[in-house]
Amino acid sequence: MAADLQAKYQKLAQEYSKLRAQNQVLKKAVVDEQGQGTSLKEELKMKDQSVRKLQQEMDSLTFRNQQLAKRVELLQEELVTTEAKGKKNKKNADPPSQMNQQRQSVFDEDLQNKIEENERLHKQVQEAQEKHRQIETELRERLVVLERDTMQHHAVVDGLKQKYMDTIEKLQNDKANLEVKSHSLEREAKECRLRTEECQQQLRNIHTDLSSRLDQSTSIIQEKVPFNDTRFAEYNTLDVPVHDRRHQLKARDLNGQALAFVRDLVGALLNLHTYTEQRIQIYPIDSATDTISPLNQKFSEYLHENASYVRPLEEGMLHLFESITEETVTTLETTVKLKPFSDVFTSYTCFLRKILPYQLKSLEEECEYSLCTANLRARNVDLQSDMQKMTAIFEKLQVYISLLALPSTKPEMLLQANYNVVFTQLAACLHSLHDIMKDISKHYSQKISLEQELPTVTQKLKNTNDCILSSVVALSNVTGKIGTFFSNNLDFFTAPSVYGFRVGMGVIDPLAAECMLENKKKAAAYIKSLKKSCPGSVPYEEALANRRTILSSTESREGLLQQVQQSQEKIAKLEQEKEHWMLEAQLAKIKLEKENQRLIDLESQFKTTLTGPMPAVGFIQENGAIPKIEELQLVERDSKEPVKSTSLIGMLTTSTTNNEIPDAESREQLIKNHYMMRVAELTSQLQIADSKSVHFYAECRALVKRLALAEKSRETLSEEIKVANQNIVRLQDELTTTKRSYEDQLSMMSDHLCSMNETLSKQREEIDSLRMGSKGNAKKNRGR
């Protein structure tokens, strides 16, 4: 306590020294301000003197101006009189009029100079007066400001002096109080030392008493208690605890609600990432008209992978829901499916961390767009900070979920006393996530309203913005529901485990929990088998025959169903192909008619121009294209010479006269018949092959099932053999141990009997010696 007081006194002394140093600095500043104020006063006096000089000059100039004005008036009067006299004596005195004019011009010039000088002097006086007024007002304002500053500095100095005096008095009072407390604490320390000595003495006495009791109780336990089933905690974890069906039903119900919330969350996240990808494809640059930036291309590629990170969240929660049943015992140690969900959530958090810089840069690119206003930039900055906060909150949630998954894999990494803290922090994180989602929804709605005012906004962008806003609102709603759900059921999550009611149970290992659940299932099956009546037995040969018939019937039924389904699919495909080939045939027929007409026109032209037999013409190609004239050669042949045309369809041989060609209808019929025959042959072959493949598939499937059943039976038999061998080894070990224990007990009993015989012999010798002594004493007494 004295050390604490001394440290506190040193801190107060340091603060006092700091305040003294600040006081010196403030005093110096006040002195500097006072010197500056005196210098400004002297400067003001000098300015006043200059102003007085200018005022005197101004008075002298005004006086001179008045004199000049009077002189001008006199000159004007003389001019008037001279003009009047000049009019009277105009005819008689021409030379004097010229002199008067010259004099008048001199006077006018002098008057003009005086007027200009007067104007210039007036301007100088006005400028000097205006400058004097400005300087005077500036100096007066500066003087007022300086006087105010000096008053403030004086007030600050007075306040600091008063504060320093108060702190000094307070420190002195604290010092006195601390000295009194130190004396009282020293007295208390002495008393505590005496009490500790007494307590140590009492502790020694109690220790000796308890050690004697412990020795007595251990001897009693060793002698009286044959077996203690709570000695080893790792064995106690294998015991089946009391089954709380209500707890299990509520756990499954809550997990079902959580699964529904996670499905809503997954849907909202998928919509948000997908519509964000669609938005960066059309804004600020539409990818349909121009290439977007490499940053947005990379961001779009990452967002396109969002389903591979988001959908496993729903699958992991579904597996967790399926692992919690009415028969299991639900604790953090037994929920092994929480670890895969934690891994999936970790991968999604890594995905958010990966796309965060691209998202921020994409918003910066939108801010650099030429039509982006200041309000829109502010909203983009708000969204950047919101996205950073959302990623940080998801990282915190990932940390807490991974902590909750630790007991099912490494129970020593998280103590049971810290479960409540983790659940409470997780609830707080969920509420903060809801708040951030509300901020994102608000800022994004403001951003959309500002973007709709832009002149270049399209309907596609409006629809995308509305979809993003709806997904953000859905995220806000579902996060709020999740936070409320978790807070309402926080008492259930933080309730003590069912293992806490068992005496001697420590940290539960996941393998021990799995073994405990297997023991529970075996115990439940055993109790169930005791309750139900045994059915009548069936002979083994009859059971095998029934099993084979059932398997064959199910296989044949499944094979027939599969055949029917495949035949229906093939019928639908053949119908589509039939329609396709009918259309192809119509097109080929139209093309053939056109080609025949063209050939007839060519024949007519050749008939008119040439005389002689017509050449051979190539026939239709196999793929149904327009037929071509391969060769047109004008040769002379006999009238009965055959004309041959070779194609992929076959060989057609006709005999033509001088001006004849093969009939178009006969060729079309031949082609059609040939194709129909080929189609019929191929369909029959295909049907035969399909039926054979289906038959073979059914046989293979039946063989695979029989093989699987044989493998299963082999595995079960091998496991039973292993169990039987283990039981044999165990029984042999037990037999050897029992033999050894019996031998040890017999040896101990023989040793005990030997010791008892020795003690009895000793006692007999003592009794004999006592008898002999008593007889000798009796003889002595008789002799006396």
Foldseek 3Di string as FASTA:
>chain_A
DVVVLVVVLVVLVVVLVVLVVVLVVLVVVLVVLVVVLVVLVVVVVVLVVVVVVLVVVLVVLVVVLVVVVVVLVVVVVVLVVVVVVCVVCVPPDVPVVVVNVVVVVVVVVVNVVSVVVNVVSVVVSVVVVVVSVVVVVVSVVVSVVSVVVSVVSVVVSVVSVVVSVVSVVVSVVSVVVVVVVVVVVVVVVVVVVVVVVVVVVVVVVVVVVVVVVVVVVVVCCVVPPDDDPLPDQLSVLLAAFDQDLVLLVVVLVLLVVVLVLLVLLLVLVLLQLVLVLVLQCPPPHPVVVDNHDPLNVVLSVLSVCLCVLRVVLSVLSVVLSVVRDSLAFDDLQQSLSLQVNLVSLVVNLVSLVVNLVSLLVSLVVNCPDPQQDPLLNVLSVLLNVLSVVLSVLSVVLSVLSVVSNCLNAPLVVDALVCQLVSLVVNLVSLVVNLVSLVSNLVSLVVNLVVVVPGPPDDPVSNVSSVSNSVSSVSNSVSSVVVSVSSVVCSCSSSPDGSCVVDPNHDRHHNVSSVSSSVVSVVVVVVVVVVVDDDDDDDDPVVVVVVVVVVLVVVLVVVLVVVVVVVVVVVVVVVVVVVVVVVVLLVVLVVLLVVLVVVVVVVLVVCVVVDDWAWDDAEDDADVSDRGDGPDGDGDHDDQQDWDWYDYPLGIDIDRHGRSDDDDSVVVSVSSVVSVVVVVVVVVVVVVVVVVVVSVVVSVVVSVVVVVVVVVVVVVVVVVVVVVVVVVVVVVVVVVVVVVVVVVVVVVVVVVVVVVVVVVVVVVVVVVVVVVVVVVVVVVVVVVD
